[in-house]
Amino acid sequence: MSILLAKPIFLIVICAIAYAVATFAMKQASDAPHILLYAMIALCFSVAAITEIIVLRQMNLGIAYILILATESLLVVSLAGLVGEGFGPREMAGAGLVLVGTAILSA
């Protein structure tokens, strides 16, 4: 199956994962800069950009953007929790607003 014919939701998940991994790599690079982390960031952003372009050929910009952002937000919040970075009420409220916004746009 060609990536150009893949279902938009599959590509949204790939795009969000790429953005989340790039975000995590940037956090790691802020503590201990390393060329491999920079390469991972560049690769992940490239994958995210390519998959997002393909998604935008198949979906409305507003809906695609919100779905990617919501998925990425959930992944980043999960990663933050897994590595021991706490998040308080403000961060949880922000994640909740992203999810509510996604639900409103999908209706």
N, C-alpha and C. Protein backbone atom coordinates (compact mmCIF):
# COMPACT_ATOMS: atom_id res chain seq x y z
N MET A 1 0.84 -1.18 0.00
CA MET A 1 0.00 0.00 0.00
C MET A 1 0.88 1.24 0.00
N SER A 2 0.61 2.13 -0.90
CA SER A 2 1.36 3.37 -0.98
C SER A 2 0.99 4.29 0.17
N ILE A 3 1.96 5.03 0.66
CA ILE A 3 1.69 5.97 1.76
C ILE A 3 0.71 7.05 1.31
N LEU A 4 0.68 7.34 0.02
CA LEU A 4 -0.25 8.35 -0.48
C LEU A 4 -1.70 7.89 -0.39
N LEU A 5 -1.93 6.60 -0.31
CA LEU A 5 -3.28 6.06 -0.23
C LEU A 5 -3.66 5.64 1.18
N ALA A 6 -2.76 5.83 2.13
CA ALA A 6 -3.02 5.42 3.51
C ALA A 6 -4.17 6.24 4.09
N LYS A 7 -4.83 5.64 5.06
CA LYS A 7 -5.94 6.32 5.74
C LYS A 7 -5.41 7.54 6.48
N PRO A 8 -6.16 8.66 6.44
CA PRO A 8 -5.70 9.88 7.12
C PRO A 8 -5.42 9.68 8.61
N ILE A 9 -6.22 8.86 9.30
CA ILE A 9 -6.01 8.70 10.74
C ILE A 9 -4.68 8.02 11.03
N PHE A 10 -4.28 7.06 10.20
CA PHE A 10 -2.98 6.41 10.35
C PHE A 10 -1.86 7.44 10.17
N LEU A 11 -1.99 8.28 9.17
CA LEU A 11 -0.97 9.30 8.92
C LEU A 11 -0.94 10.36 10.02
N ILE A 12 -2.11 10.67 10.57
CA ILE A 12 -2.17 11.63 11.69
C ILE A 12 -1.40 11.06 12.89
N VAL A 13 -1.56 9.79 13.16
CA VAL A 13 -0.86 9.16 14.27
C VAL A 13 0.65 9.17 14.01
N ILE A 14 1.06 8.82 12.79
CA ILE A 14 2.50 8.84 12.45
C ILE A 14 3.06 10.25 12.61
N CYS A 15 2.32 11.24 12.11
CA CYS A 15 2.76 12.63 12.20
C CYS A 15 2.90 13.06 13.67
N ALA A 16 1.89 12.74 14.48
CA ALA A 16 1.92 13.12 15.89
C ALA A 16 3.06 12.42 16.63
N ILE A 17 3.29 11.16 16.32
CA ILE A 17 4.41 10.45 16.95
C ILE A 17 5.73 11.13 16.58
N ALA A 18 5.88 11.49 15.32
CA ALA A 18 7.12 12.14 14.88
C ALA A 18 7.32 13.48 15.60
N TYR A 19 6.24 14.26 15.73
CA TYR A 19 6.35 15.53 16.46
C TYR A 19 6.67 15.29 17.94
N ALA A 20 6.03 14.29 18.55
CA ALA A 20 6.26 14.01 19.97
C ALA A 20 7.70 13.54 20.21
N VAL A 21 8.20 12.67 19.35
CA VAL A 21 9.58 12.20 19.51
C VAL A 21 10.56 13.36 19.31
N ALA A 22 10.28 14.23 18.35
CA ALA A 22 11.13 15.41 18.14
C ALA A 22 11.12 16.30 19.38
N THR A 23 9.95 16.48 19.98
CA THR A 23 9.84 17.29 21.20
C THR A 23 10.65 16.68 22.33
N PHE A 24 10.52 15.37 22.49
CA PHE A 24 11.27 14.67 23.54
C PHE A 24 12.78 14.78 23.28
N ALA A 25 13.18 14.63 22.03
CA ALA A 25 14.61 14.74 21.68
C ALA A 25 15.12 16.16 21.95
N MET A 26 14.29 17.17 21.70
CA MET A 26 14.69 18.55 21.99
C MET A 26 14.89 18.74 23.48
N LYS A 27 14.01 18.15 24.28
CA LYS A 27 14.16 18.23 25.73
C LYS A 27 15.46 17.57 26.17
N GLN A 28 15.76 16.40 25.61
CA GLN A 28 17.01 15.72 25.93
C GLN A 28 18.22 16.55 25.48
N ALA A 29 18.12 17.15 24.30
CA ALA A 29 19.24 17.95 23.78
C ALA A 29 19.45 19.21 24.61
N SER A 30 18.40 19.70 25.25
CA SER A 30 18.57 20.89 26.09
C SER A 30 19.40 20.58 27.33
N ASP A 31 19.37 19.32 27.77
CA ASP A 31 20.15 18.91 28.94
C ASP A 31 21.56 18.45 28.56
N ALA A 32 21.67 17.72 27.44
CA ALA A 32 22.95 17.17 27.01
C ALA A 32 23.02 17.19 25.48
N PRO A 33 23.45 18.31 24.91
CA PRO A 33 23.50 18.42 23.44
C PRO A 33 24.37 17.32 22.82
N HIS A 34 23.86 16.75 21.74
CA HIS A 34 24.61 15.70 21.04
C HIS A 34 24.16 15.68 19.59
N ILE A 35 25.07 15.43 18.69
CA ILE A 35 24.78 15.45 17.27
C ILE A 35 23.72 14.41 16.89
N LEU A 36 23.70 13.26 17.56
CA LEU A 36 22.69 12.24 17.25
C LEU A 36 21.29 12.72 17.62
N LEU A 37 21.17 13.47 18.70
CA LEU A 37 19.87 14.04 19.06
C LEU A 37 19.42 15.06 18.01
N TYR A 38 20.36 15.87 17.53
CA TYR A 38 20.01 16.85 16.50
C TYR A 38 19.57 16.15 15.21
N ALA A 39 20.24 15.05 14.89
CA ALA A 39 19.86 14.28 13.69
C ALA A 39 18.47 13.67 13.87
N MET A 40 18.18 13.17 15.07
CA MET A 40 16.86 12.59 15.34
C MET A 40 15.77 13.67 15.22
N ILE A 41 16.05 14.85 15.73
CA ILE A 41 15.10 15.95 15.65
C ILE A 41 14.81 16.29 14.19
N ALA A 42 15.87 16.42 13.39
CA ALA A 42 15.69 16.73 11.97
C ALA A 42 14.92 15.64 11.24
N LEU A 43 15.24 14.39 11.52
CA LEU A 43 14.54 13.28 10.89
C LEU A 43 13.07 13.27 11.27
N CYS A 44 12.79 13.43 12.55
CA CYS A 44 11.39 13.41 13.01
C CYS A 44 10.58 14.56 12.43
N PHE A 45 11.17 15.76 12.37
CA PHE A 45 10.45 16.88 11.78
C PHE A 45 10.23 16.66 10.29
N SER A 46 11.18 16.02 9.62
CA SER A 46 11.00 15.71 8.20
C SER A 46 9.86 14.73 7.99
N VAL A 47 9.82 13.68 8.79
CA VAL A 47 8.73 12.69 8.70
C VAL A 47 7.39 13.37 9.00
N ALA A 48 7.37 14.20 10.03
CA ALA A 48 6.13 14.89 10.40
C ALA A 48 5.65 15.79 9.26
N ALA A 49 6.56 16.54 8.66
CA ALA A 49 6.18 17.45 7.58
C ALA A 49 5.65 16.69 6.37
N ILE A 50 6.31 15.63 6.00
CA ILE A 50 5.88 14.85 4.83
C ILE A 50 4.51 14.22 5.08
N THR A 51 4.33 13.61 6.25
CA THR A 51 3.03 12.98 6.52
C THR A 51 1.92 14.03 6.66
N GLU A 52 2.24 15.18 7.22
CA GLU A 52 1.23 16.24 7.34
C GLU A 52 0.81 16.76 5.96
N ILE A 53 1.75 16.89 5.06
CA ILE A 53 1.42 17.31 3.69
C ILE A 53 0.47 16.31 3.04
N ILE A 54 0.75 15.03 3.22
CA ILE A 54 -0.12 13.99 2.65
C ILE A 54 -1.51 14.04 3.28
N VAL A 55 -1.56 14.24 4.60
CA VAL A 55 -2.85 14.35 5.29
C VAL A 55 -3.63 15.54 4.75
N LEU A 56 -2.96 16.65 4.53
CA LEU A 56 -3.64 17.86 4.08
C LEU A 56 -4.19 17.72 2.66
N ARG A 57 -3.69 16.77 1.90
CA ARG A 57 -4.26 16.48 0.58
C ARG A 57 -5.62 15.78 0.73
N GLN A 58 -5.83 15.15 1.89
CA GLN A 58 -7.02 14.33 2.09
C GLN A 58 -8.05 14.95 3.03
N MET A 59 -7.65 15.97 3.81
CA MET A 59 -8.53 16.51 4.84
C MET A 59 -8.50 18.03 4.84
N ASN A 60 -9.49 18.59 5.49
CA ASN A 60 -9.57 20.02 5.73
C ASN A 60 -8.45 20.44 6.68
N LEU A 61 -7.85 21.59 6.43
CA LEU A 61 -6.71 22.07 7.22
C LEU A 61 -7.03 22.17 8.70
N GLY A 62 -8.14 22.79 9.05
CA GLY A 62 -8.49 23.00 10.46
C GLY A 62 -8.65 21.71 11.22
N ILE A 63 -9.36 20.77 10.64
CA ILE A 63 -9.60 19.49 11.31
C ILE A 63 -8.30 18.69 11.41
N ALA A 64 -7.54 18.65 10.34
CA ALA A 64 -6.27 17.91 10.35
C ALA A 64 -5.33 18.48 11.42
N TYR A 65 -5.23 19.80 11.48
CA TYR A 65 -4.32 20.43 12.43
C TYR A 65 -4.73 20.10 13.87
N ILE A 66 -6.00 20.22 14.17
CA ILE A 66 -6.47 19.95 15.53
C ILE A 66 -6.27 18.49 15.90
N LEU A 67 -6.55 17.57 14.97
CA LEU A 67 -6.36 16.15 15.26
C LEU A 67 -4.89 15.82 15.50
N ILE A 68 -4.01 16.39 14.69
CA ILE A 68 -2.58 16.16 14.89
C ILE A 68 -2.13 16.75 16.23
N LEU A 69 -2.57 17.96 16.51
CA LEU A 69 -2.18 18.62 17.76
C LEU A 69 -2.70 17.87 18.98
N ALA A 70 -3.94 17.40 18.93
CA ALA A 70 -4.51 16.67 20.06
C ALA A 70 -3.75 15.36 20.28
N THR A 71 -3.49 14.64 19.21
CA THR A 71 -2.76 13.37 19.33
C THR A 71 -1.35 13.60 19.85
N GLU A 72 -0.70 14.60 19.30
CA GLU A 72 0.66 14.93 19.77
C GLU A 72 0.65 15.33 21.24
N SER A 73 -0.33 16.14 21.63
CA SER A 73 -0.41 16.58 23.03
C SER A 73 -0.56 15.40 23.98
N LEU A 74 -1.42 14.45 23.62
CA LEU A 74 -1.59 13.26 24.46
C LEU A 74 -0.29 12.47 24.56
N LEU A 75 0.41 12.35 23.45
CA LEU A 75 1.68 11.61 23.45
C LEU A 75 2.74 12.32 24.29
N VAL A 76 2.85 13.64 24.15
CA VAL A 76 3.86 14.39 24.91
C VAL A 76 3.55 14.35 26.40
N VAL A 77 2.27 14.50 26.76
CA VAL A 77 1.89 14.42 28.18
C VAL A 77 2.21 13.03 28.72
N SER A 78 1.94 12.00 27.93
CA SER A 78 2.27 10.63 28.36
C SER A 78 3.77 10.44 28.53
N LEU A 79 4.54 10.94 27.55
CA LEU A 79 6.00 10.84 27.66
C LEU A 79 6.52 11.58 28.89
N ALA A 80 5.97 12.76 29.14
CA ALA A 80 6.39 13.54 30.31
C ALA A 80 6.14 12.75 31.59
N GLY A 81 4.99 12.11 31.66
CA GLY A 81 4.68 11.30 32.83
C GLY A 81 5.60 10.10 32.97
N LEU A 82 5.94 9.48 31.83
CA LEU A 82 6.81 8.30 31.86
C LEU A 82 8.23 8.63 32.30
N VAL A 83 8.71 9.82 31.97
CA VAL A 83 10.08 10.17 32.35
C VAL A 83 10.14 10.91 33.69
N GLY A 84 8.99 10.99 34.36
CA GLY A 84 8.99 11.55 35.71
C GLY A 84 8.80 13.05 35.79
N GLU A 85 8.49 13.70 34.70
CA GLU A 85 8.20 15.12 34.77
C GLU A 85 6.74 15.29 35.11
N GLY A 86 6.49 15.88 36.24
CA GLY A 86 5.11 16.07 36.66
C GLY A 86 4.43 17.17 35.87
N PHE A 87 3.13 17.11 35.87
CA PHE A 87 2.37 18.20 35.28
C PHE A 87 1.20 18.48 36.20
N GLY A 88 0.97 19.76 36.39
CA GLY A 88 -0.02 20.18 37.36
C GLY A 88 -1.38 20.46 36.74
N PRO A 89 -2.21 21.11 37.50
CA PRO A 89 -3.57 21.40 37.04
C PRO A 89 -3.62 22.23 35.76
N ARG A 90 -2.71 23.17 35.61
CA ARG A 90 -2.71 24.02 34.42
C ARG A 90 -2.45 23.19 33.16
N GLU A 91 -1.47 22.30 33.22
CA GLU A 91 -1.16 21.46 32.07
C GLU A 91 -2.30 20.49 31.77
N MET A 92 -2.91 19.93 32.82
CA MET A 92 -4.03 19.02 32.63
C MET A 92 -5.23 19.76 32.03
N ALA A 93 -5.45 20.98 32.47
CA ALA A 93 -6.56 21.78 31.92
C ALA A 93 -6.30 22.08 30.45
N GLY A 94 -5.06 22.39 30.11
CA GLY A 94 -4.72 22.66 28.71
C GLY A 94 -4.94 21.43 27.84
N ALA A 95 -4.52 20.27 28.31
CA ALA A 95 -4.74 19.04 27.56
C ALA A 95 -6.23 18.76 27.41
N GLY A 96 -6.98 19.03 28.47
CA GLY A 96 -8.43 18.86 28.41
C GLY A 96 -9.08 19.77 27.38
N LEU A 97 -8.62 21.02 27.32
CA LEU A 97 -9.17 21.96 26.34
C LEU A 97 -8.87 21.52 24.91
N VAL A 98 -7.68 20.98 24.70
CA VAL A 98 -7.35 20.47 23.36
C VAL A 98 -8.29 19.33 23.00
N LEU A 99 -8.55 18.43 23.93
CA LEU A 99 -9.45 17.31 23.66
C LEU A 99 -10.89 17.78 23.43
N VAL A 100 -11.34 18.74 24.22
CA VAL A 100 -12.70 19.29 24.03
C VAL A 100 -12.79 19.97 22.67
N GLY A 101 -11.78 20.74 22.31
CA GLY A 101 -11.76 21.39 21.01
C GLY A 101 -11.80 20.39 19.87
N THR A 102 -11.08 19.31 20.03
CA THR A 102 -11.09 18.26 19.01
C THR A 102 -12.48 17.65 18.88
N ALA A 103 -13.13 17.39 20.01
CA ALA A 103 -14.48 16.81 19.99
C ALA A 103 -15.46 17.76 19.33
N ILE A 104 -15.34 19.04 19.61
CA ILE A 104 -16.26 20.03 19.01
C ILE A 104 -16.06 20.10 17.50
N LEU A 105 -14.80 20.10 17.06
CA LEU A 105 -14.54 20.17 15.62
C LEU A 105 -14.93 18.91 14.89
N SER A 106 -14.87 17.77 15.55
CA SER A 106 -15.24 16.53 14.87
C SER A 106 -16.73 16.33 14.76
N ALA A 107 -17.50 17.04 15.57
CA ALA A 107 -18.96 16.85 15.57
C ALA A 107 -19.62 17.46 14.35
